[in-house]
Amino acid sequence: MAKILVVDDEPGLRLLYAAELEDEGYDVVTAEDCATAAAALEKEVIDLVVLDIQIKQESGLEMLQKIVKERSGLPVILCSAYNCYKDDFSSWLADAYVVKSSNLDELKSEVARLVKK
């Protein structure tokens, strides 16, 4: 069973993503900020990260750069309410980019695709 780390500062979204991904058969760990996410990455064996871009006053894009540098090969899905970040070169480090929506089909599809790799 793949373990997914969901990083988002909105408690409702963390719970929704965790519930939906657990229903798909994944083990889910959540983090509300970059420090908690970094601790989870050190403590847990994570197979994929779903990462918000704006996390409180922190940058998910900076977190993405750290993950790529320290955990090369760990797939990351950027998940943002803003489509404009697709044009930011640092977002291109991610394996997928999903715009937040009430329909989680795209997110689930990308998770399934990347976990199979």
PDB file of N, CA and C in Angstrom:
ATOM      1  N   MET A   1       0.843  -1.176   0.000  1.00  0.00           N
ATOM      2  CA  MET A   1       0.000   0.000   0.000  1.00  0.00           C
ATOM      3  C   MET A   1       0.891   1.244   0.000  1.00  0.00           C
ATOM      4  N   ALA A   2       0.668   2.135  -0.936  1.00  0.00           N
ATOM      5  CA  ALA A   2       1.456   3.363  -1.034  1.00  0.00           C
ATOM      6  C   ALA A   2       1.069   4.342   0.068  1.00  0.00           C
ATOM      7  N   LYS A   3       2.079   5.033   0.581  1.00  0.00           N
ATOM      8  CA  LYS A   3       1.845   6.039   1.619  1.00  0.00           C
ATOM      9  C   LYS A   3       1.986   7.421   0.983  1.00  0.00           C
ATOM     10  N   ILE A   4       0.960   8.245   1.174  1.00  0.00           N
ATOM     11  CA  ILE A   4       0.904   9.578   0.568  1.00  0.00           C
ATOM     12  C   ILE A   4       0.933  10.631   1.666  1.00  0.00           C
ATOM     13  N   LEU A   5       1.765  11.642   1.458  1.00  0.00           N
ATOM     14  CA  LEU A   5       1.818  12.789   2.358  1.00  0.00           C
ATOM     15  C   LEU A   5       1.041  13.925   1.720  1.00  0.00           C
ATOM     16  N   VAL A   6       0.006  14.395   2.404  1.00  0.00           N
ATOM     17  CA  VAL A   6      -0.801  15.524   1.937  1.00  0.00           C
ATOM     18  C   VAL A   6      -0.415  16.745   2.769  1.00  0.00           C
ATOM     19  N   VAL A   7       0.071  17.792   2.092  1.00  0.00           N
ATOM     20  CA  VAL A   7       0.502  19.014   2.772  1.00  0.00           C
ATOM     21  C   VAL A   7      -0.404  20.161   2.333  1.00  0.00           C
ATOM     22  N   ASP A   8      -1.222  20.642   3.274  1.00  0.00           N
ATOM     23  CA  ASP A   8      -2.135  21.747   2.987  1.00  0.00           C
ATOM     24  C   ASP A   8      -2.487  22.426   4.305  1.00  0.00           C
ATOM     25  N   ASP A   9      -2.548  23.743   4.305  1.00  0.00           N
ATOM     26  CA  ASP A   9      -2.845  24.469   5.549  1.00  0.00           C
ATOM     27  C   ASP A   9      -4.338  24.570   5.836  1.00  0.00           C
ATOM     28  N   GLU A  10      -5.180  24.135   4.926  1.00  0.00           N
ATOM     29  CA  GLU A  10      -6.623  24.173   5.141  1.00  0.00           C
ATOM     30  C   GLU A  10      -7.088  22.827   5.708  1.00  0.00           C
ATOM     31  N   PRO A  11      -7.523  22.813   6.985  1.00  0.00           N
ATOM     32  CA  PRO A  11      -7.899  21.550   7.632  1.00  0.00           C
ATOM     33  C   PRO A  11      -8.974  20.767   6.877  1.00  0.00           C
ATOM     34  N   GLY A  12      -9.957  21.454   6.332  1.00  0.00           N
ATOM     35  CA  GLY A  12     -11.026  20.777   5.606  1.00  0.00           C
ATOM     36  C   GLY A  12     -10.515  20.042   4.380  1.00  0.00           C
ATOM     37  N   LEU A  13      -9.595  20.677   3.657  1.00  0.00           N
ATOM     38  CA  LEU A  13      -9.035  20.029   2.468  1.00  0.00           C
ATOM     39  C   LEU A  13      -8.160  18.845   2.847  1.00  0.00           C
ATOM     40  N   ARG A  14      -7.371  18.996   3.916  1.00  0.00           N
ATOM     41  CA  ARG A  14      -6.539  17.871   4.376  1.00  0.00           C
ATOM     42  C   ARG A  14      -7.422  16.663   4.693  1.00  0.00           C
ATOM     43  N   LEU A  15      -8.510  16.909   5.414  1.00  0.00           N
ATOM     44  CA  LEU A  15      -9.419  15.813   5.769  1.00  0.00           C
ATOM     45  C   LEU A  15     -10.088  15.210   4.536  1.00  0.00           C
ATOM     46  N   LEU A  16     -10.519  16.063   3.619  1.00  0.00           N
ATOM     47  CA  LEU A  16     -11.163  15.585   2.394  1.00  0.00           C
ATOM     48  C   LEU A  16     -10.199  14.741   1.564  1.00  0.00           C
ATOM     49  N   TYR A  17      -8.989  15.265   1.324  1.00  0.00           N
ATOM     50  CA  TYR A  17      -8.001  14.526   0.529  1.00  0.00           C
ATOM     51  C   TYR A  17      -7.652  13.209   1.209  1.00  0.00           C
ATOM     52  N   ALA A  18      -7.453  13.251   2.526  1.00  0.00           N
ATOM     53  CA  ALA A  18      -7.105  12.025   3.253  1.00  0.00           C
ATOM     54  C   ALA A  18      -8.225  10.991   3.125  1.00  0.00           C
ATOM     55  N   ALA A  19      -9.465  11.406   3.344  1.00  0.00           N
ATOM     56  CA  ALA A  19     -10.594  10.474   3.261  1.00  0.00           C
ATOM     57  C   ALA A  19     -10.736   9.879   1.862  1.00  0.00           C
ATOM     58  N   GLU A  20     -10.647  10.744   0.852  1.00  0.00           N
ATOM     59  CA  GLU A  20     -10.817  10.273  -0.531  1.00  0.00           C
ATOM     60  C   GLU A  20      -9.675   9.336  -0.950  1.00  0.00           C
ATOM     61  N   LEU A  21      -8.453   9.673  -0.571  1.00  0.00           N
ATOM     62  CA  LEU A  21      -7.314   8.842  -0.951  1.00  0.00           C
ATOM     63  C   LEU A  21      -7.294   7.536  -0.153  1.00  0.00           C
ATOM     64  N   GLU A  22      -7.734   7.577   1.096  1.00  0.00           N
ATOM     65  CA  GLU A  22      -7.846   6.345   1.880  1.00  0.00           C
ATOM     66  C   GLU A  22      -8.909   5.432   1.276  1.00  0.00           C
ATOM     67  N   ASP A  23     -10.000   6.024   0.768  1.00  0.00           N
ATOM     68  CA  ASP A  23     -11.031   5.234   0.094  1.00  0.00           C
ATOM     69  C   ASP A  23     -10.487   4.549  -1.160  1.00  0.00           C
ATOM     70  N   GLU A  24      -9.445   5.140  -1.747  1.00  0.00           N
ATOM     71  CA  GLU A  24      -8.803   4.552  -2.932  1.00  0.00           C
ATOM     72  C   GLU A  24      -7.790   3.474  -2.539  1.00  0.00           C
ATOM     73  N   GLY A  25      -7.573   3.301  -1.222  1.00  0.00           N
ATOM     74  CA  GLY A  25      -6.680   2.251  -0.762  1.00  0.00           C
ATOM     75  C   GLY A  25      -5.293   2.703  -0.351  1.00  0.00           C
ATOM     76  N   TYR A  26      -5.079   4.006  -0.270  1.00  0.00           N
ATOM     77  CA  TYR A  26      -3.763   4.522   0.122  1.00  0.00           C
ATOM     78  C   TYR A  26      -3.713   4.783   1.620  1.00  0.00           C
ATOM     79  N   ASP A  27      -2.510   4.717   2.161  1.00  0.00           N
ATOM     80  CA  ASP A  27      -2.251   5.125   3.535  1.00  0.00           C
ATOM     81  C   ASP A  27      -1.882   6.606   3.454  1.00  0.00           C
ATOM     82  N   VAL A  28      -2.524   7.457   4.239  1.00  0.00           N
ATOM     83  CA  VAL A  28      -2.326   8.906   4.110  1.00  0.00           C
ATOM     84  C   VAL A  28      -1.827   9.505   5.415  1.00  0.00           C
ATOM     85  N   VAL A  29      -0.796  10.338   5.283  1.00  0.00           N
ATOM     86  CA  VAL A  29      -0.261  11.141   6.378  1.00  0.00           C
ATOM     87  C   VAL A  29      -0.504  12.587   5.982  1.00  0.00           C
ATOM     88  N   THR A  30      -0.909  13.447   6.931  1.00  0.00           N
ATOM     89  CA  THR A  30      -1.155  14.843   6.595  1.00  0.00           C
ATOM     90  C   THR A  30      -0.223  15.770   7.363  1.00  0.00           C
ATOM     91  N   ALA A  31      -0.010  16.947   6.782  1.00  0.00           N
ATOM     92  CA  ALA A  31       0.806  17.981   7.412  1.00  0.00           C
ATOM     93  C   ALA A  31       0.189  19.335   7.114  1.00  0.00           C
ATOM     94  N   GLU A  32       0.184  20.214   8.119  1.00  0.00           N
ATOM     95  CA  GLU A  32      -0.425  21.534   7.951  1.00  0.00           C
ATOM     96  C   GLU A  32       0.572  22.601   7.535  1.00  0.00           C
ATOM     97  N   ASP A  33       1.871  22.281   7.591  1.00  0.00           N
ATOM     98  CA  ASP A  33       2.887  23.260   7.208  1.00  0.00           C
ATOM     99  C   ASP A  33       4.150  22.539   6.748  1.00  0.00           C
ATOM    100  N   CYS A  34       5.124  23.307   6.274  1.00  0.00           N
ATOM    101  CA  CYS A  34       6.337  22.717   5.722  1.00  0.00           C
ATOM    102  C   CYS A  34       7.181  22.019   6.782  1.00  0.00           C
ATOM    103  N   ALA A  35       7.223  22.543   7.995  1.00  0.00           N
ATOM    104  CA  ALA A  35       8.011  21.912   9.057  1.00  0.00           C
ATOM    105  C   ALA A  35       7.445  20.532   9.401  1.00  0.00           C
ATOM    106  N   THR A  36       6.139  20.441   9.515  1.00  0.00           N
ATOM    107  CA  THR A  36       5.502  19.157   9.808  1.00  0.00           C
ATOM    108  C   THR A  36       5.713  18.189   8.648  1.00  0.00           C
ATOM    109  N   ALA A  37       5.652  18.697   7.424  1.00  0.00           N
ATOM    110  CA  ALA A  37       5.884  17.859   6.244  1.00  0.00           C
ATOM    111  C   ALA A  37       7.320  17.333   6.230  1.00  0.00           C
ATOM    112  N   ALA A  38       8.277  18.207   6.525  1.00  0.00           N
ATOM    113  CA  ALA A  38       9.686  17.793   6.551  1.00  0.00           C
ATOM    114  C   ALA A  38       9.914  16.714   7.604  1.00  0.00           C
ATOM    115  N   ALA A  39       9.289  16.866   8.762  1.00  0.00           N
ATOM    116  CA  ALA A  39       9.415  15.864   9.822  1.00  0.00           C
ATOM    117  C   ALA A  39       8.818  14.531   9.377  1.00  0.00           C
ATOM    118  N   ALA A  40       7.677  14.577   8.706  1.00  0.00           N
ATOM    119  CA  ALA A  40       7.046  13.349   8.215  1.00  0.00           C
ATOM    120  C   ALA A  40       7.924  12.661   7.181  1.00  0.00           C
ATOM    121  N   LEU A  41       8.575  13.450   6.321  1.00  0.00           N
ATOM    122  CA  LEU A  41       9.451  12.877   5.302  1.00  0.00           C
ATOM    123  C   LEU A  41      10.664  12.197   5.929  1.00  0.00           C
ATOM    124  N   GLU A  42      11.111  12.696   7.062  1.00  0.00           N
ATOM    125  CA  GLU A  42      12.241  12.073   7.750  1.00  0.00           C
ATOM    126  C   GLU A  42      11.818  10.815   8.497  1.00  0.00           C
ATOM    127  N   LYS A  43      10.612  10.830   9.052  1.00  0.00           N
ATOM    128  CA  LYS A  43      10.141   9.760   9.930  1.00  0.00           C
ATOM    129  C   LYS A  43       9.467   8.618   9.172  1.00  0.00           C
ATOM    130  N   GLU A  44       8.740   8.937   8.127  1.00  0.00           N
ATOM    131  CA  GLU A  44       7.921   7.966   7.401  1.00  0.00           C
ATOM    132  C   GLU A  44       8.570   7.582   6.066  1.00  0.00           C
ATOM    133  N   VAL A  45       8.163   6.435   5.545  1.00  0.00           N
ATOM    134  CA  VAL A  45       8.525   6.066   4.178  1.00  0.00           C
ATOM    135  C   VAL A  45       7.370   6.538   3.299  1.00  0.00           C
ATOM    136  N   ILE A  46       7.591   7.649   2.618  1.00  0.00           N
ATOM    137  CA  ILE A  46       6.545   8.286   1.808  1.00  0.00           C
ATOM    138  C   ILE A  46       6.768   7.922   0.343  1.00  0.00           C
ATOM    139  N   ASP A  47       5.675   7.564  -0.347  1.00  0.00           N
ATOM    140  CA  ASP A  47       5.763   7.188  -1.751  1.00  0.00           C
ATOM    141  C   ASP A  47       5.377   8.312  -2.702  1.00  0.00           C
ATOM    142  N   LEU A  48       4.646   9.324  -2.192  1.00  0.00           N
ATOM    143  CA  LEU A  48       4.185  10.429  -3.033  1.00  0.00           C
ATOM    144  C   LEU A  48       3.758  11.581  -2.135  1.00  0.00           C
ATOM    145  N   VAL A  49       3.964  12.808  -2.606  1.00  0.00           N
ATOM    146  CA  VAL A  49       3.565  14.003  -1.849  1.00  0.00           C
ATOM    147  C   VAL A  49       2.558  14.798  -2.677  1.00  0.00           C
ATOM    148  N   VAL A  50       1.447  15.168  -2.034  1.00  0.00           N
ATOM    149  CA  VAL A  50       0.487  16.115  -2.605  1.00  0.00           C
ATOM    150  C   VAL A  50       0.730  17.418  -1.854  1.00  0.00           C
ATOM    151  N   LEU A  51       1.188  18.441  -2.573  1.00  0.00           N
ATOM    152  CA  LEU A  51       1.711  19.651  -1.945  1.00  0.00           C
ATOM    153  C   LEU A  51       0.981  20.901  -2.412  1.00  0.00           C
ATOM    154  N   ASP A  52       0.422  21.637  -1.465  1.00  0.00           N
ATOM    155  CA  ASP A  52      -0.181  22.939  -1.758  1.00  0.00           C
ATOM    156  C   ASP A  52       0.949  23.922  -2.068  1.00  0.00           C
ATOM    157  N   ILE A  53       0.676  24.935  -2.842  1.00  0.00           N
ATOM    158  CA  ILE A  53       1.717  25.910  -3.190  1.00  0.00           C
ATOM    159  C   ILE A  53       1.807  27.020  -2.153  1.00  0.00           C
ATOM    160  N   GLN A  54       0.665  27.487  -1.667  1.00  0.00           N
ATOM    161  CA  GLN A  54       0.673  28.532  -0.635  1.00  0.00           C
ATOM    162  C   GLN A  54       0.243  27.908   0.685  1.00  0.00           C
ATOM    163  N   ILE A  55       1.207  27.734   1.582  1.00  0.00           N
ATOM    164  CA  ILE A  55       0.959  27.088   2.871  1.00  0.00           C
ATOM    165  C   ILE A  55       1.228  28.123   3.953  1.00  0.00           C
ATOM    166  N   LYS A  56       0.149  28.711   4.464  1.00  0.00           N
ATOM    167  CA  LYS A  56       0.265  29.805   5.426  1.00  0.00           C
ATOM    168  C   LYS A  56       1.197  30.864   4.832  1.00  0.00           C
ATOM    169  N   GLN A  57       2.280  31.188   5.525  1.00  0.00           N
ATOM    170  CA  GLN A  57       3.234  32.183   5.007  1.00  0.00           C
ATOM    171  C   GLN A  57       4.418  31.514   4.314  1.00  0.00           C
ATOM    172  N   GLU A  58       4.326  30.207   4.079  1.00  0.00           N
ATOM    173  CA  GLU A  58       5.426  29.457   3.491  1.00  0.00           C
ATOM    174  C   GLU A  58       5.162  29.181   2.015  1.00  0.00           C
ATOM    175  N   SER A  59       6.213  28.823   1.317  1.00  0.00           N
ATOM    176  CA  SER A  59       6.106  28.532  -0.101  1.00  0.00           C
ATOM    177  C   SER A  59       6.207  27.034  -0.352  1.00  0.00           C
ATOM    178  N   GLY A  60       5.169  26.488  -0.927  1.00  0.00           N
ATOM    179  CA  GLY A  60       5.211  25.091  -1.333  1.00  0.00           C
ATOM    180  C   GLY A  60       6.237  24.855  -2.427  1.00  0.00           C
ATOM    181  N   LEU A  61       6.500  25.899  -3.235  1.00  0.00           N
ATOM    182  CA  LEU A  61       7.503  25.757  -4.294  1.00  0.00           C
ATOM    183  C   LEU A  61       8.897  25.599  -3.698  1.00  0.00           C
ATOM    184  N   GLU A  62       9.173  26.291  -2.588  1.00  0.00           N
ATOM    185  CA  GLU A  62      10.460  26.104  -1.911  1.00  0.00           C
ATOM    186  C   GLU A  62      10.535  24.702  -1.318  1.00  0.00           C
ATOM    187  N   MET A  63       9.435  24.228  -0.757  1.00  0.00           N
ATOM    188  CA  MET A  63       9.382  22.867  -0.223  1.00  0.00           C
ATOM    189  C   MET A  63       9.618  21.860  -1.341  1.00  0.00           C
ATOM    190  N   LEU A  64       9.038  22.102  -2.501  1.00  0.00           N
ATOM    191  CA  LEU A  64       9.231  21.235  -3.662  1.00  0.00           C
ATOM    192  C   LEU A  64      10.711  21.155  -4.022  1.00  0.00           C
ATOM    193  N   GLN A  65      11.390  22.300  -4.048  1.00  0.00           N
ATOM    194  CA  GLN A  65      12.813  22.320  -4.373  1.00  0.00           C
ATOM    195  C   GLN A  65      13.624  21.497  -3.371  1.00  0.00           C
ATOM    196  N   LYS A  66      13.283  21.591  -2.089  1.00  0.00           N
ATOM    197  CA  LYS A  66      13.975  20.799  -1.055  1.00  0.00           C
ATOM    198  C   LYS A  66      13.728  19.306  -1.256  1.00  0.00           C
ATOM    199  N   ILE A  67      12.497  18.952  -1.567  1.00  0.00           N
ATOM    200  CA  ILE A  67      12.174  17.536  -1.782  1.00  0.00           C
ATOM    201  C   ILE A  67      12.969  16.995  -2.963  1.00  0.00           C
ATOM    202  N   VAL A  68      13.000  17.743  -4.067  1.00  0.00           N
ATOM    203  CA  VAL A  68      13.728  17.297  -5.257  1.00  0.00           C
ATOM    204  C   VAL A  68      15.218  17.143  -4.952  1.00  0.00           C
ATOM    205  N   LYS A  69      15.751  18.065  -4.167  1.00  0.00           N
ATOM    206  CA  LYS A  69      17.181  18.030  -3.826  1.00  0.00           C
ATOM    207  C   LYS A  69      17.506  16.885  -2.864  1.00  0.00           C
ATOM    208  N   GLU A  70      16.666  16.707  -1.839  1.00  0.00           N
ATOM    209  CA  GLU A  70      16.967  15.748  -0.780  1.00  0.00           C
ATOM    210  C   GLU A  70      16.383  14.353  -1.018  1.00  0.00           C
ATOM    211  N   ARG A  71      15.300  14.277  -1.786  1.00  0.00           N
ATOM    212  CA  ARG A  71      14.627  12.987  -2.000  1.00  0.00           C
ATOM    213  C   ARG A  71      14.363  12.782  -3.491  1.00  0.00           C
ATOM    214  N   SER A  72      15.418  12.832  -4.261  1.00  0.00           N
ATOM    215  CA  SER A  72      15.304  12.683  -5.710  1.00  0.00           C
ATOM    216  C   SER A  72      14.504  11.429  -6.055  1.00  0.00           C
ATOM    217  N   GLY A  73      13.575  11.589  -6.949  1.00  0.00           N
ATOM    218  CA  GLY A  73      12.758  10.465  -7.372  1.00  0.00           C
ATOM    219  C   GLY A  73      11.429  10.338  -6.643  1.00  0.00           C
ATOM    220  N   LEU A  74      11.244  11.096  -5.560  1.00  0.00           N
ATOM    221  CA  LEU A  74       9.965  11.068  -4.848  1.00  0.00           C
ATOM    222  C   LEU A  74       8.957  11.897  -5.645  1.00  0.00           C
ATOM    223  N   PRO A  75       7.889  11.284  -6.144  1.00  0.00           N
ATOM    224  CA  PRO A  75       6.921  12.039  -6.936  1.00  0.00           C
ATOM    225  C   PRO A  75       6.170  13.077  -6.090  1.00  0.00           C
ATOM    226  N   VAL A  76       5.969  14.252  -6.712  1.00  0.00           N
ATOM    227  CA  VAL A  76       5.250  15.341  -6.057  1.00  0.00           C
ATOM    228  C   VAL A  76       4.170  15.858  -6.993  1.00  0.00           C
ATOM    229  N   ILE A  77       2.962  15.989  -6.460  1.00  0.00           N
ATOM    230  CA  ILE A  77       1.857  16.618  -7.182  1.00  0.00           C
ATOM    231  C   ILE A  77       1.610  17.965  -6.528  1.00  0.00           C
ATOM    232  N   LEU A  78       1.773  19.036  -7.283  1.00  0.00           N
ATOM    233  CA  LEU A  78       1.410  20.361  -6.777  1.00  0.00           C
ATOM    234  C   LEU A  78      -0.095  20.506  -6.913  1.00  0.00           C
ATOM    235  N   CYS A  79      -0.714  21.004  -5.879  1.00  0.00           N
ATOM    236  CA  CYS A  79      -2.158  21.175  -5.863  1.00  0.00           C
ATOM    237  C   CYS A  79      -2.442  22.595  -5.393  1.00  0.00           C
ATOM    238  N   SER A  80      -2.978  23.412  -6.286  1.00  0.00           N
ATOM    239  CA  SER A  80      -3.174  24.819  -5.965  1.00  0.00           C
ATOM    240  C   SER A  80      -4.519  25.305  -6.463  1.00  0.00           C
ATOM    241  N   ALA A  81      -5.025  26.315  -5.792  1.00  0.00           N
ATOM    242  CA  ALA A  81      -6.261  26.951  -6.249  1.00  0.00           C
ATOM    243  C   ALA A  81      -5.984  27.882  -7.425  1.00  0.00           C
ATOM    244  N   TYR A  82      -4.704  28.118  -7.701  1.00  0.00           N
ATOM    245  CA  TYR A  82      -4.316  29.086  -8.717  1.00  0.00           C
ATOM    246  C   TYR A  82      -3.625  28.409  -9.885  1.00  0.00           C
ATOM    247  N   ASN A  83      -4.184  28.589 -11.055  1.00  0.00           N
ATOM    248  CA  ASN A  83      -3.625  28.023 -12.274  1.00  0.00           C
ATOM    249  C   ASN A  83      -2.358  28.762 -12.714  1.00  0.00           C
ATOM    250  N   CYS A  84      -2.178  30.002 -12.258  1.00  0.00           N
ATOM    251  CA  CYS A  84      -1.074  30.844 -12.728  1.00  0.00           C
ATOM    252  C   CYS A  84       0.299  30.288 -12.355  1.00  0.00           C
ATOM    253  N   TYR A  85       0.385  29.447 -11.332  1.00  0.00           N
ATOM    254  CA  TYR A  85       1.686  28.919 -10.922  1.00  0.00           C
ATOM    255  C   TYR A  85       2.263  27.928 -11.930  1.00  0.00           C
ATOM    256  N   LYS A  86       1.452  27.462 -12.864  1.00  0.00           N
ATOM    257  CA  LYS A  86       1.971  26.566 -13.901  1.00  0.00           C
ATOM    258  C   LYS A  86       3.065  27.254 -14.716  1.00  0.00           C
ATOM    259  N   ASP A  87       3.042  28.579 -14.757  1.00  0.00           N
ATOM    260  CA  ASP A  87       4.036  29.330 -15.531  1.00  0.00           C
ATOM    261  C   ASP A  87       5.324  29.572 -14.759  1.00  0.00           C
ATOM    262  N   ASP A  88       5.340  29.271 -13.476  1.00  0.00           N
ATOM    263  CA  ASP A  88       6.529  29.443 -12.649  1.00  0.00           C
ATOM    264  C   ASP A  88       7.459  28.260 -12.917  1.00  0.00           C
ATOM    265  N   PHE A  89       8.683  28.554 -13.350  1.00  0.00           N
ATOM    266  CA  PHE A  89       9.618  27.484 -13.703  1.00  0.00           C
ATOM    267  C   PHE A  89       9.824  26.478 -12.576  1.00  0.00           C
ATOM    268  N   SER A  90       9.813  26.930 -11.328  1.00  0.00           N
ATOM    269  CA  SER A  90      10.050  26.001 -10.227  1.00  0.00           C
ATOM    270  C   SER A  90       8.913  24.987 -10.082  1.00  0.00           C
ATOM    271  N   SER A  91       7.722  25.327 -10.570  1.00  0.00           N
ATOM    272  CA  SER A  91       6.621  24.362 -10.497  1.00  0.00           C
ATOM    273  C   SER A  91       6.845  23.197 -11.464  1.00  0.00           C
ATOM    274  N   TRP A  92       7.707  23.409 -12.444  1.00  0.00           N
ATOM    275  CA  TRP A  92       7.977  22.360 -13.426  1.00  0.00           C
ATOM    276  C   TRP A  92       8.754  21.194 -12.821  1.00  0.00           C
ATOM    277  N   LEU A  93       9.294  21.378 -11.614  1.00  0.00           N
ATOM    278  CA  LEU A  93       9.990  20.289 -10.928  1.00  0.00           C
ATOM    279  C   LEU A  93       9.010  19.211 -10.466  1.00  0.00           C
ATOM    280  N   ALA A  94       7.756  19.575 -10.335  1.00  0.00           N
ATOM    281  CA  ALA A  94       6.739  18.628  -9.873  1.00  0.00           C
ATOM    282  C   ALA A  94       6.411  17.627 -10.978  1.00  0.00           C
ATOM    283  N   ASP A  95       5.921  16.475 -10.565  1.00  0.00           N
ATOM    284  CA  ASP A  95       5.544  15.435 -11.518  1.00  0.00           C
ATOM    285  C   ASP A  95       4.161  15.679 -12.105  1.00  0.00           C
ATOM    286  N   ALA A  96       3.357  16.480 -11.390  1.00  0.00           N
ATOM    287  CA  ALA A  96       2.013  16.818 -11.876  1.00  0.00           C
ATOM    288  C   ALA A  96       1.559  18.104 -11.191  1.00  0.00           C
ATOM    289  N   TYR A  97       0.604  18.772 -11.819  1.00  0.00           N
ATOM    290  CA  TYR A  97       0.037  20.023 -11.294  1.00  0.00           C
ATOM    291  C   TYR A  97      -1.471  19.911 -11.416  1.00  0.00           C
ATOM    292  N   VAL A  98      -2.157  19.996 -10.291  1.00  0.00           N
ATOM    293  CA  VAL A  98      -3.613  19.865 -10.279  1.00  0.00           C
ATOM    294  C   VAL A  98      -4.204  21.127  -9.658  1.00  0.00           C
ATOM    295  N   VAL A  99      -5.180  21.708 -10.331  1.00  0.00           N
ATOM    296  CA  VAL A  99      -5.883  22.860  -9.780  1.00  0.00           C
ATOM    297  C   VAL A  99      -6.961  22.338  -8.834  1.00  0.00           C
ATOM    298  N   LYS A 100      -6.995  22.905  -7.618  1.00  0.00           N
ATOM    299  CA  LYS A 100      -7.962  22.455  -6.610  1.00  0.00           C
ATOM    300  C   LYS A 100      -9.379  22.584  -7.142  1.00  0.00           C
ATOM    301  N   SER A 101     -10.177  21.568  -6.812  1.00  0.00           N
ATOM    302  CA  SER A 101     -11.547  21.519  -7.280  1.00  0.00           C
ATOM    303  C   SER A 101     -12.346  20.643  -6.321  1.00  0.00           C
ATOM    304  N   SER A 102     -13.667  20.798  -6.351  1.00  0.00           N
ATOM    305  CA  SER A 102     -14.500  19.916  -5.531  1.00  0.00           C
ATOM    306  C   SER A 102     -14.536  18.509  -6.128  1.00  0.00           C
ATOM    307  N   ASN A 103     -14.185  18.388  -7.398  1.00  0.00           N
ATOM    308  CA  ASN A 103     -14.092  17.091  -8.061  1.00  0.00           C
ATOM    309  C   ASN A 103     -12.639  16.620  -7.966  1.00  0.00           C
ATOM    310  N   LEU A 104     -12.409  15.536  -7.234  1.00  0.00           N
ATOM    311  CA  LEU A 104     -11.049  15.051  -7.010  1.00  0.00           C
ATOM    312  C   LEU A 104     -10.604  13.985  -8.006  1.00  0.00           C
ATOM    313  N   ASP A 105     -11.351  13.810  -9.081  1.00  0.00           N
ATOM    314  CA  ASP A 105     -11.009  12.784 -10.065  1.00  0.00           C
ATOM    315  C   ASP A 105      -9.617  12.996 -10.666  1.00  0.00           C
ATOM    316  N   GLU A 106      -9.276  14.236 -11.004  1.00  0.00           N
ATOM    317  CA  GLU A 106      -7.964  14.500 -11.605  1.00  0.00           C
ATOM    318  C   GLU A 106      -6.845  14.196 -10.611  1.00  0.00           C
ATOM    319  N   LEU A 107      -7.019  14.619  -9.365  1.00  0.00           N
ATOM    320  CA  LEU A 107      -6.020  14.337  -8.341  1.00  0.00           C
ATOM    321  C   LEU A 107      -5.852  12.829  -8.157  1.00  0.00           C
ATOM    322  N   LYS A 108      -6.955  12.107  -8.044  1.00  0.00           N
ATOM    323  CA  LYS A 108      -6.894  10.657  -7.862  1.00  0.00           C
ATOM    324  C   LYS A 108      -6.226   9.977  -9.055  1.00  0.00           C
ATOM    325  N   SER A 109      -6.515  10.473 -10.244  1.00  0.00           N
ATOM    326  CA  SER A 109      -5.919   9.912 -11.454  1.00  0.00           C
ATOM    327  C   SER A 109      -4.404  10.112 -11.465  1.00  0.00           C
ATOM    328  N   GLU A 110      -3.964  11.316 -11.090  1.00  0.00           N
ATOM    329  CA  GLU A 110      -2.524  11.598 -11.065  1.00  0.00           C
ATOM    330  C   GLU A 110      -1.826  10.784  -9.978  1.00  0.00           C
ATOM    331  N   VAL A 111      -2.466  10.648  -8.832  1.00  0.00           N
ATOM    332  CA  VAL A 111      -1.892   9.818  -7.753  1.00  0.00           C
ATOM    333  C   VAL A 111      -1.719   8.389  -8.259  1.00  0.00           C
ATOM    334  N   ALA A 112      -2.746   7.833  -8.845  1.00  0.00           N
ATOM    335  CA  ALA A 112      -2.684   6.453  -9.341  1.00  0.00           C
ATOM    336  C   ALA A 112      -1.580   6.295 -10.399  1.00  0.00           C
ATOM    337  N   ARG A 113      -1.479   7.257 -11.303  1.00  0.00           N
ATOM    338  CA  ARG A 113      -0.468   7.205 -12.356  1.00  0.00           C
ATOM    339  C   ARG A 113       0.939   7.219 -11.766  1.00  0.00           C
ATOM    340  N   LEU A 114       1.171   8.099 -10.817  1.00  0.00           N
ATOM    341  CA  LEU A 114       2.521   8.263 -10.271  1.00  0.00           C
ATOM    342  C   LEU A 114       2.905   7.161  -9.294  1.00  0.00           C
ATOM    343  N   VAL A 115       1.952   6.604  -8.598  1.00  0.00           N
ATOM    344  CA  VAL A 115       2.257   5.507  -7.670  1.00  0.00           C
ATOM    345  C   VAL A 115       2.639   4.251  -8.444  1.00  0.00           C
ATOM    346  N   LYS A 116       2.072   4.080  -9.633  1.00  0.00           N
ATOM    347  CA  LYS A 116       2.374   2.893 -10.448  1.00  0.00           C
ATOM    348  C   LYS A 116       3.777   2.918 -11.035  1.00  0.00           C
ATOM    349  N   LYS A 117       4.377   4.102 -11.169  1.00  0.00           N
ATOM    350  CA  LYS A 117       5.706   4.215 -11.785  1.00  0.00           C
ATOM    351  C   LYS A 117       6.726   3.397 -11.062  1.00  0.00           C
TER     352      LYS A 117
END
